[in-house]
């Protein structure tokens, strides 16, 4: 499952970042704390599907759908 598949207000745990991220994108996500084992919560979405807001280690970050589809997660109960 990917981060893009997680329903609003649900939590997931990051399993891996796919290899097709550009190096600068991957490093930015890692710097923000998007590493395996980190819990992330879907906080909200733009009205027309542009960006989604995610809670991650006390911060709120915005990711595009294409980025969220490349982050592998497992759902947290």
PDB file of N, CA and C in Angstrom:
ATOM      1  N   UNK A   1       0.855  -1.163   0.000  1.00  0.00           N
ATOM      2  CA  UNK A   1       0.000   0.000   0.000  1.00  0.00           C
ATOM      3  C   UNK A   1       0.904   1.230   0.000  1.00  0.00           C
ATOM      4  N   UNK A   2       0.413   2.315  -0.579  1.00  0.00           N
ATOM      5  CA  UNK A   2       1.185   3.552  -0.624  1.00  0.00           C
ATOM      6  C   UNK A   2       0.528   4.611   0.257  1.00  0.00           C
ATOM      7  N   UNK A   3       1.260   5.664   0.529  1.00  0.00           N
ATOM      8  CA  UNK A   3       0.735   6.750   1.350  1.00  0.00           C
ATOM      9  C   UNK A   3      -0.488   7.389   0.686  1.00  0.00           C
ATOM     10  N   UNK A   4      -0.533   7.387  -0.627  1.00  0.00           N
ATOM     11  CA  UNK A   4      -1.680   7.951  -1.351  1.00  0.00           C
ATOM     12  C   UNK A   4      -2.958   7.152  -1.110  1.00  0.00           C
ATOM     13  N   UNK A   5      -2.849   5.897  -0.695  1.00  0.00           N
ATOM     14  CA  UNK A   5      -4.008   5.030  -0.463  1.00  0.00           C
ATOM     15  C   UNK A   5      -4.625   5.201   0.922  1.00  0.00           C
ATOM     16  N   UNK A   6      -3.940   5.871   1.821  1.00  0.00           N
ATOM     17  CA  UNK A   6      -4.401   6.006   3.200  1.00  0.00           C
ATOM     18  C   UNK A   6      -5.541   7.024   3.262  1.00  0.00           C
ATOM     19  N   UNK A   7      -6.612   6.660   3.939  1.00  0.00           N
ATOM     20  CA  UNK A   7      -7.795   7.525   4.061  1.00  0.00           C
ATOM     21  C   UNK A   7      -7.505   8.712   4.982  1.00  0.00           C
ATOM     22  N   UNK A   8      -8.225   9.825   4.778  1.00  0.00           N
ATOM     23  CA  UNK A   8      -8.047  10.995   5.647  1.00  0.00           C
ATOM     24  C   UNK A   8      -8.225  10.643   7.126  1.00  0.00           C
ATOM     25  N   UNK A   9      -7.367  11.225   7.956  1.00  0.00           N
ATOM     26  CA  UNK A   9      -7.331  11.073   9.409  1.00  0.00           C
ATOM     27  C   UNK A   9      -6.872   9.683   9.872  1.00  0.00           C
ATOM     28  N   UNK A  10      -6.473   8.827   8.968  1.00  0.00           N
ATOM     29  CA  UNK A  10      -5.926   7.518   9.328  1.00  0.00           C
ATOM     30  C   UNK A  10      -4.411   7.625   9.445  1.00  0.00           C
ATOM     31  N   UNK A  11      -3.827   6.692  10.177  1.00  0.00           N
ATOM     32  CA  UNK A  11      -2.378   6.662  10.374  1.00  0.00           C
ATOM     33  C   UNK A  11      -1.775   5.483   9.615  1.00  0.00           C
ATOM     34  N   UNK A  12      -0.517   5.659   9.259  1.00  0.00           N
ATOM     35  CA  UNK A  12       0.242   4.600   8.594  1.00  0.00           C
ATOM     36  C   UNK A  12       1.688   4.700   9.062  1.00  0.00           C
ATOM     37  N   UNK A  13       2.427   3.624   8.870  1.00  0.00           N
ATOM     38  CA  UNK A  13       3.853   3.587   9.217  1.00  0.00           C
ATOM     39  C   UNK A  13       4.635   3.428   7.915  1.00  0.00           C
ATOM     40  N   UNK A  14       5.635   4.263   7.726  1.00  0.00           N
ATOM     41  CA  UNK A  14       6.440   4.208   6.508  1.00  0.00           C
ATOM     42  C   UNK A  14       7.274   2.937   6.503  1.00  0.00           C
ATOM     43  N   UNK A  15       7.212   2.217   5.383  1.00  0.00           N
ATOM     44  CA  UNK A  15       8.030   1.017   5.188  1.00  0.00           C
ATOM     45  C   UNK A  15       9.264   1.319   4.356  1.00  0.00           C
ATOM     46  N   UNK A  16       9.079   2.123   3.277  1.00  0.00           N
ATOM     47  CA  UNK A  16      10.204   2.417   2.381  1.00  0.00           C
ATOM     48  C   UNK A  16       9.847   3.550   1.434  1.00  0.00           C
ATOM     49  N   UNK A  17      10.885   4.196   0.938  1.00  0.00           N
ATOM     50  CA  UNK A  17      10.735   5.156  -0.156  1.00  0.00           C
ATOM     51  C   UNK A  17      11.170   4.427  -1.417  1.00  0.00           C
ATOM     52  N   UNK A  18      10.375   4.508  -2.470  1.00  0.00           N
ATOM     53  CA  UNK A  18      10.750   3.829  -3.703  1.00  0.00           C
ATOM     54  C   UNK A  18      12.006   4.458  -4.292  1.00  0.00           C
ATOM     55  N   UNK A  19      12.689   3.708  -5.135  1.00  0.00           N
ATOM     56  CA  UNK A  19      13.973   4.138  -5.688  1.00  0.00           C
ATOM     57  C   UNK A  19      13.867   5.214  -6.758  1.00  0.00           C
ATOM     58  N   UNK A  20      12.664   5.498  -7.258  1.00  0.00           N
ATOM     59  CA  UNK A  20      12.555   6.443  -8.367  1.00  0.00           C
ATOM     60  C   UNK A  20      12.434   7.903  -7.948  1.00  0.00           C
ATOM     61  N   UNK A  21      12.653   8.227  -6.678  1.00  0.00           N
ATOM     62  CA  UNK A  21      12.715   9.621  -6.257  1.00  0.00           C
ATOM     63  C   UNK A  21      14.020  10.230  -6.770  1.00  0.00           C
ATOM     64  N   UNK A  22      13.959  11.492  -7.172  1.00  0.00           N
ATOM     65  CA  UNK A  22      15.193  12.214  -7.497  1.00  0.00           C
ATOM     66  C   UNK A  22      16.000  12.332  -6.201  1.00  0.00           C
ATOM     67  N   UNK A  23      17.321  12.355  -6.303  1.00  0.00           N
ATOM     68  CA  UNK A  23      18.139  12.417  -5.080  1.00  0.00           C
ATOM     69  C   UNK A  23      17.768  13.572  -4.142  1.00  0.00           C
ATOM     70  N   UNK A  24      17.484  14.750  -4.687  1.00  0.00           N
ATOM     71  CA  UNK A  24      17.137  15.884  -3.830  1.00  0.00           C
ATOM     72  C   UNK A  24      15.784  15.690  -3.155  1.00  0.00           C
ATOM     73  N   UNK A  25      14.831  15.026  -3.857  1.00  0.00           N
ATOM     74  CA  UNK A  25      13.520  14.741  -3.258  1.00  0.00           C
ATOM     75  C   UNK A  25      13.658  13.753  -2.109  1.00  0.00           C
ATOM     76  N   UNK A  26      14.412  12.689  -2.343  1.00  0.00           N
ATOM     77  CA  UNK A  26      14.637  11.663  -1.321  1.00  0.00           C
ATOM     78  C   UNK A  26      15.292  12.279  -0.091  1.00  0.00           C
ATOM     79  N   UNK A  27      16.318  13.100  -0.298  1.00  0.00           N
ATOM     80  CA  UNK A  27      17.018  13.698   0.831  1.00  0.00           C
ATOM     81  C   UNK A  27      16.107  14.634   1.607  1.00  0.00           C
ATOM     82  N   UNK A  28      15.267  15.393   0.904  1.00  0.00           N
ATOM     83  CA  UNK A  28      14.333  16.298   1.584  1.00  0.00           C
ATOM     84  C   UNK A  28      13.368  15.517   2.460  1.00  0.00           C
ATOM     85  N   UNK A  29      12.823  14.412   1.933  1.00  0.00           N
ATOM     86  CA  UNK A  29      11.902  13.590   2.716  1.00  0.00           C
ATOM     87  C   UNK A  29      12.593  12.990   3.938  1.00  0.00           C
ATOM     88  N   UNK A  30      13.809  12.523   3.748  1.00  0.00           N
ATOM     89  CA  UNK A  30      14.568  11.970   4.872  1.00  0.00           C
ATOM     90  C   UNK A  30      14.839  13.049   5.916  1.00  0.00           C
ATOM     91  N   UNK A  31      15.205  14.248   5.464  1.00  0.00           N
ATOM     92  CA  UNK A  31      15.453  15.362   6.388  1.00  0.00           C
ATOM     93  C   UNK A  31      14.206  15.717   7.190  1.00  0.00           C
ATOM     94  N   UNK A  32      13.032  15.547   6.586  1.00  0.00           N
ATOM     95  CA  UNK A  32      11.770  15.828   7.267  1.00  0.00           C
ATOM     96  C   UNK A  32      11.341  14.691   8.197  1.00  0.00           C
ATOM     97  N   UNK A  33      12.047  13.566   8.131  1.00  0.00           N
ATOM     98  CA  UNK A  33      11.746  12.455   9.018  1.00  0.00           C
ATOM     99  C   UNK A  33      10.993  11.312   8.373  1.00  0.00           C
ATOM    100  N   UNK A  34      10.852  11.317   7.055  1.00  0.00           N
ATOM    101  CA  UNK A  34      10.148  10.243   6.353  1.00  0.00           C
ATOM    102  C   UNK A  34      11.099   9.061   6.147  1.00  0.00           C
ATOM    103  N   UNK A  35      11.322   8.334   7.228  1.00  0.00           N
ATOM    104  CA  UNK A  35      12.207   7.172   7.207  1.00  0.00           C
ATOM    105  C   UNK A  35      11.416   5.955   7.670  1.00  0.00           C
ATOM    106  N   UNK A  36      11.861   4.761   7.312  1.00  0.00           N
ATOM    107  CA  UNK A  36      11.133   3.563   7.739  1.00  0.00           C
ATOM    108  C   UNK A  36      10.892   3.545   9.243  1.00  0.00           C
ATOM    109  N   UNK A  37       9.652   3.204   9.612  1.00  0.00           N
ATOM    110  CA  UNK A  37       9.257   3.127  11.008  1.00  0.00           C
ATOM    111  C   UNK A  37       8.531   4.359  11.516  1.00  0.00           C
ATOM    112  N   UNK A  38       8.585   5.460  10.769  1.00  0.00           N
ATOM    113  CA  UNK A  38       7.939   6.702  11.183  1.00  0.00           C
ATOM    114  C   UNK A  38       6.438   6.629  10.921  1.00  0.00           C
ATOM    115  N   UNK A  39       5.649   7.046  11.918  1.00  0.00           N
ATOM    116  CA  UNK A  39       4.201   7.116  11.730  1.00  0.00           C
ATOM    117  C   UNK A  39       3.842   8.433  11.076  1.00  0.00           C
ATOM    118  N   UNK A  40       2.869   8.377  10.185  1.00  0.00           N
ATOM    119  CA  UNK A  40       2.395   9.549   9.473  1.00  0.00           C
ATOM    120  C   UNK A  40       0.868   9.502   9.457  1.00  0.00           C
ATOM    121  N   UNK A  41       0.242  10.669   9.559  1.00  0.00           N
ATOM    122  CA  UNK A  41      -1.218  10.742   9.551  1.00  0.00           C
ATOM    123  C   UNK A  41      -1.667  11.661   8.431  1.00  0.00           C
ATOM    124  N   UNK A  42      -2.679  11.238   7.693  1.00  0.00           N
ATOM    125  CA  UNK A  42      -3.267  12.083   6.652  1.00  0.00           C
ATOM    126  C   UNK A  42      -4.111  13.124   7.357  1.00  0.00           C
ATOM    127  N   UNK A  43      -3.773  14.394   7.184  1.00  0.00           N
ATOM    128  CA  UNK A  43      -4.445  15.473   7.907  1.00  0.00           C
ATOM    129  C   UNK A  43      -5.503  16.169   7.076  1.00  0.00           C
ATOM    130  N   UNK A  44      -5.365  16.189   5.763  1.00  0.00           N
ATOM    131  CA  UNK A  44      -6.349  16.864   4.928  1.00  0.00           C
ATOM    132  C   UNK A  44      -5.930  16.830   3.475  1.00  0.00           C
ATOM    133  N   UNK A  45      -6.852  17.232   2.610  1.00  0.00           N
ATOM    134  CA  UNK A  45      -6.577  17.216   1.173  1.00  0.00           C
ATOM    135  C   UNK A  45      -7.139  18.470   0.528  1.00  0.00           C
ATOM    136  N   UNK A  46      -6.497  18.893  -0.544  1.00  0.00           N
ATOM    137  CA  UNK A  46      -6.999  20.025  -1.316  1.00  0.00           C
ATOM    138  C   UNK A  46      -8.299  19.611  -1.995  1.00  0.00           C
ATOM    139  N   UNK A  47      -9.145  20.576  -2.258  1.00  0.00           N
ATOM    140  CA  UNK A  47     -10.469  20.302  -2.824  1.00  0.00           C
ATOM    141  C   UNK A  47     -10.415  19.542  -4.151  1.00  0.00           C
ATOM    142  N   UNK A  48      -9.436  19.814  -4.981  1.00  0.00           N
ATOM    143  CA  UNK A  48      -9.382  19.175  -6.289  1.00  0.00           C
ATOM    144  C   UNK A  48      -8.232  18.187  -6.428  1.00  0.00           C
ATOM    145  N   UNK A  49      -7.742  17.686  -5.307  1.00  0.00           N
ATOM    146  CA  UNK A  49      -6.758  16.611  -5.333  1.00  0.00           C
ATOM    147  C   UNK A  49      -5.323  17.011  -5.608  1.00  0.00           C
ATOM    148  N   UNK A  50      -4.969  18.260  -5.475  1.00  0.00           N
ATOM    149  CA  UNK A  50      -3.598  18.685  -5.741  1.00  0.00           C
ATOM    150  C   UNK A  50      -2.633  18.199  -4.680  1.00  0.00           C
ATOM    151  N   UNK A  51      -2.734  18.755  -3.494  1.00  0.00           N
ATOM    152  CA  UNK A  51      -1.853  18.394  -2.386  1.00  0.00           C
ATOM    153  C   UNK A  51      -2.652  17.749  -1.267  1.00  0.00           C
ATOM    154  N   UNK A  52      -1.958  16.931  -0.491  1.00  0.00           N
ATOM    155  CA  UNK A  52      -2.523  16.408   0.750  1.00  0.00           C
ATOM    156  C   UNK A  52      -1.575  16.799   1.870  1.00  0.00           C
ATOM    157  N   UNK A  53      -2.147  17.064   3.027  1.00  0.00           N
ATOM    158  CA  UNK A  53      -1.341  17.426   4.198  1.00  0.00           C
ATOM    159  C   UNK A  53      -1.143  16.180   5.057  1.00  0.00           C
ATOM    160  N   UNK A  54       0.080  16.004   5.531  1.00  0.00           N
ATOM    161  CA  UNK A  54       0.437  14.850   6.352  1.00  0.00           C
ATOM    162  C   UNK A  54       1.108  15.324   7.627  1.00  0.00           C
ATOM    163  N   UNK A  55       0.726  14.740   8.747  1.00  0.00           N
ATOM    164  CA  UNK A  55       1.393  14.988  10.012  1.00  0.00           C
ATOM    165  C   UNK A  55       2.535  14.005  10.152  1.00  0.00           C
ATOM    166  N   UNK A  56       3.731  14.534  10.389  1.00  0.00           N
ATOM    167  CA  UNK A  56       4.928  13.701  10.404  1.00  0.00           C
ATOM    168  C   UNK A  56       5.901  14.258  11.439  1.00  0.00           C
ATOM    169  N   UNK A  57       6.113  13.537  12.531  1.00  0.00           N
ATOM    170  CA  UNK A  57       7.057  13.934  13.587  1.00  0.00           C
ATOM    171  C   UNK A  57       6.830  15.360  14.082  1.00  0.00           C
ATOM    172  N   UNK A  58       5.566  15.707  14.301  1.00  0.00           N
ATOM    173  CA  UNK A  58       5.233  17.018  14.841  1.00  0.00           C
ATOM    174  C   UNK A  58       5.130  18.132  13.817  1.00  0.00           C
ATOM    175  N   UNK A  59       5.367  17.848  12.564  1.00  0.00           N
ATOM    176  CA  UNK A  59       5.267  18.855  11.504  1.00  0.00           C
ATOM    177  C   UNK A  59       4.137  18.470  10.547  1.00  0.00           C
ATOM    178  N   UNK A  60       3.643  19.453   9.834  1.00  0.00           N
ATOM    179  CA  UNK A  60       2.668  19.199   8.779  1.00  0.00           C
ATOM    180  C   UNK A  60       3.369  19.485   7.462  1.00  0.00           C
ATOM    181  N   UNK A  61       3.369  18.496   6.564  1.00  0.00           N
ATOM    182  CA  UNK A  61       4.007  18.684   5.259  1.00  0.00           C
ATOM    183  C   UNK A  61       2.975  18.427   4.164  1.00  0.00           C
ATOM    184  N   UNK A  62       3.174  19.050   3.036  1.00  0.00           N
ATOM    185  CA  UNK A  62       2.302  18.837   1.888  1.00  0.00           C
ATOM    186  C   UNK A  62       3.031  18.016   0.842  1.00  0.00           C
ATOM    187  N   UNK A  63       2.349  17.000   0.332  1.00  0.00           N
ATOM    188  CA  UNK A  63       2.916  16.163  -0.730  1.00  0.00           C
ATOM    189  C   UNK A  63       1.940  16.078  -1.890  1.00  0.00           C
ATOM    190  N   UNK A  64       2.473  16.030  -3.076  1.00  0.00           N
ATOM    191  CA  UNK A  64       1.653  15.799  -4.263  1.00  0.00           C
ATOM    192  C   UNK A  64       1.285  14.324  -4.333  1.00  0.00           C
ATOM    193  N   UNK A  65       0.235  14.028  -5.048  1.00  0.00           N
ATOM    194  CA  UNK A  65      -0.234  12.649  -5.225  1.00  0.00           C
ATOM    195  C   UNK A  65       0.888  11.760  -5.779  1.00  0.00           C
ATOM    196  N   UNK A  66       1.635  12.276  -6.767  1.00  0.00           N
ATOM    197  CA  UNK A  66       2.712  11.488  -7.376  1.00  0.00           C
ATOM    198  C   UNK A  66       3.800  11.131  -6.369  1.00  0.00           C
ATOM    199  N   UNK A  67       4.050  12.017  -5.416  1.00  0.00           N
ATOM    200  CA  UNK A  67       5.055  11.735  -4.394  1.00  0.00           C
ATOM    201  C   UNK A  67       4.522  10.704  -3.397  1.00  0.00           C
ATOM    202  N   UNK A  68       3.291  10.881  -2.951  1.00  0.00           N
ATOM    203  CA  UNK A  68       2.697   9.968  -1.972  1.00  0.00           C
ATOM    204  C   UNK A  68       2.564   8.555  -2.529  1.00  0.00           C
ATOM    205  N   UNK A  69       2.420   8.422  -3.843  1.00  0.00           N
ATOM    206  CA  UNK A  69       2.302   7.102  -4.459  1.00  0.00           C
ATOM    207  C   UNK A  69       3.622   6.345  -4.464  1.00  0.00           C
ATOM    208  N   UNK A  70       4.722   7.022  -4.151  1.00  0.00           N
ATOM    209  CA  UNK A  70       6.022   6.366  -4.151  1.00  0.00           C
ATOM    210  C   UNK A  70       6.556   6.124  -2.747  1.00  0.00           C
ATOM    211  N   UNK A  71       5.691   6.323  -1.735  1.00  0.00           N
ATOM    212  CA  UNK A  71       6.073   6.046  -0.354  1.00  0.00           C
ATOM    213  C   UNK A  71       5.260   4.839   0.104  1.00  0.00           C
ATOM    214  N   UNK A  72       5.934   3.742   0.375  1.00  0.00           N
ATOM    215  CA  UNK A  72       5.275   2.506   0.795  1.00  0.00           C
ATOM    216  C   UNK A  72       5.026   2.534   2.285  1.00  0.00           C
ATOM    217  N   UNK A  73       3.806   2.161   2.676  1.00  0.00           N
ATOM    218  CA  UNK A  73       3.410   2.211   4.083  1.00  0.00           C
ATOM    219  C   UNK A  73       2.625   0.962   4.465  1.00  0.00           C
ATOM    220  N   UNK A  74       2.441   0.800   5.781  1.00  0.00           N
ATOM    221  CA  UNK A  74       1.521  -0.196   6.307  1.00  0.00           C
ATOM    222  C   UNK A  74       0.575   0.540   7.230  1.00  0.00           C
ATOM    223  N   UNK A  75      -0.693   0.160   7.202  1.00  0.00           N
ATOM    224  CA  UNK A  75      -1.678   0.847   8.011  1.00  0.00           C
ATOM    225  C   UNK A  75      -1.477   0.535   9.487  1.00  0.00           C
ATOM    226  N   UNK A  76      -1.711   1.552  10.335  1.00  0.00           N
ATOM    227  CA  UNK A  76      -1.598   1.413  11.776  1.00  0.00           C
ATOM    228  C   UNK A  76      -3.003   1.393  12.338  1.00  0.00           C
ATOM    229  N   UNK A  77      -3.281   0.449  13.225  1.00  0.00           N
ATOM    230  CA  UNK A  77      -4.628   0.328  13.804  1.00  0.00           C
ATOM    231  C   UNK A  77      -4.939   1.421  14.781  1.00  0.00           C
TER     232      UNK A  77
END
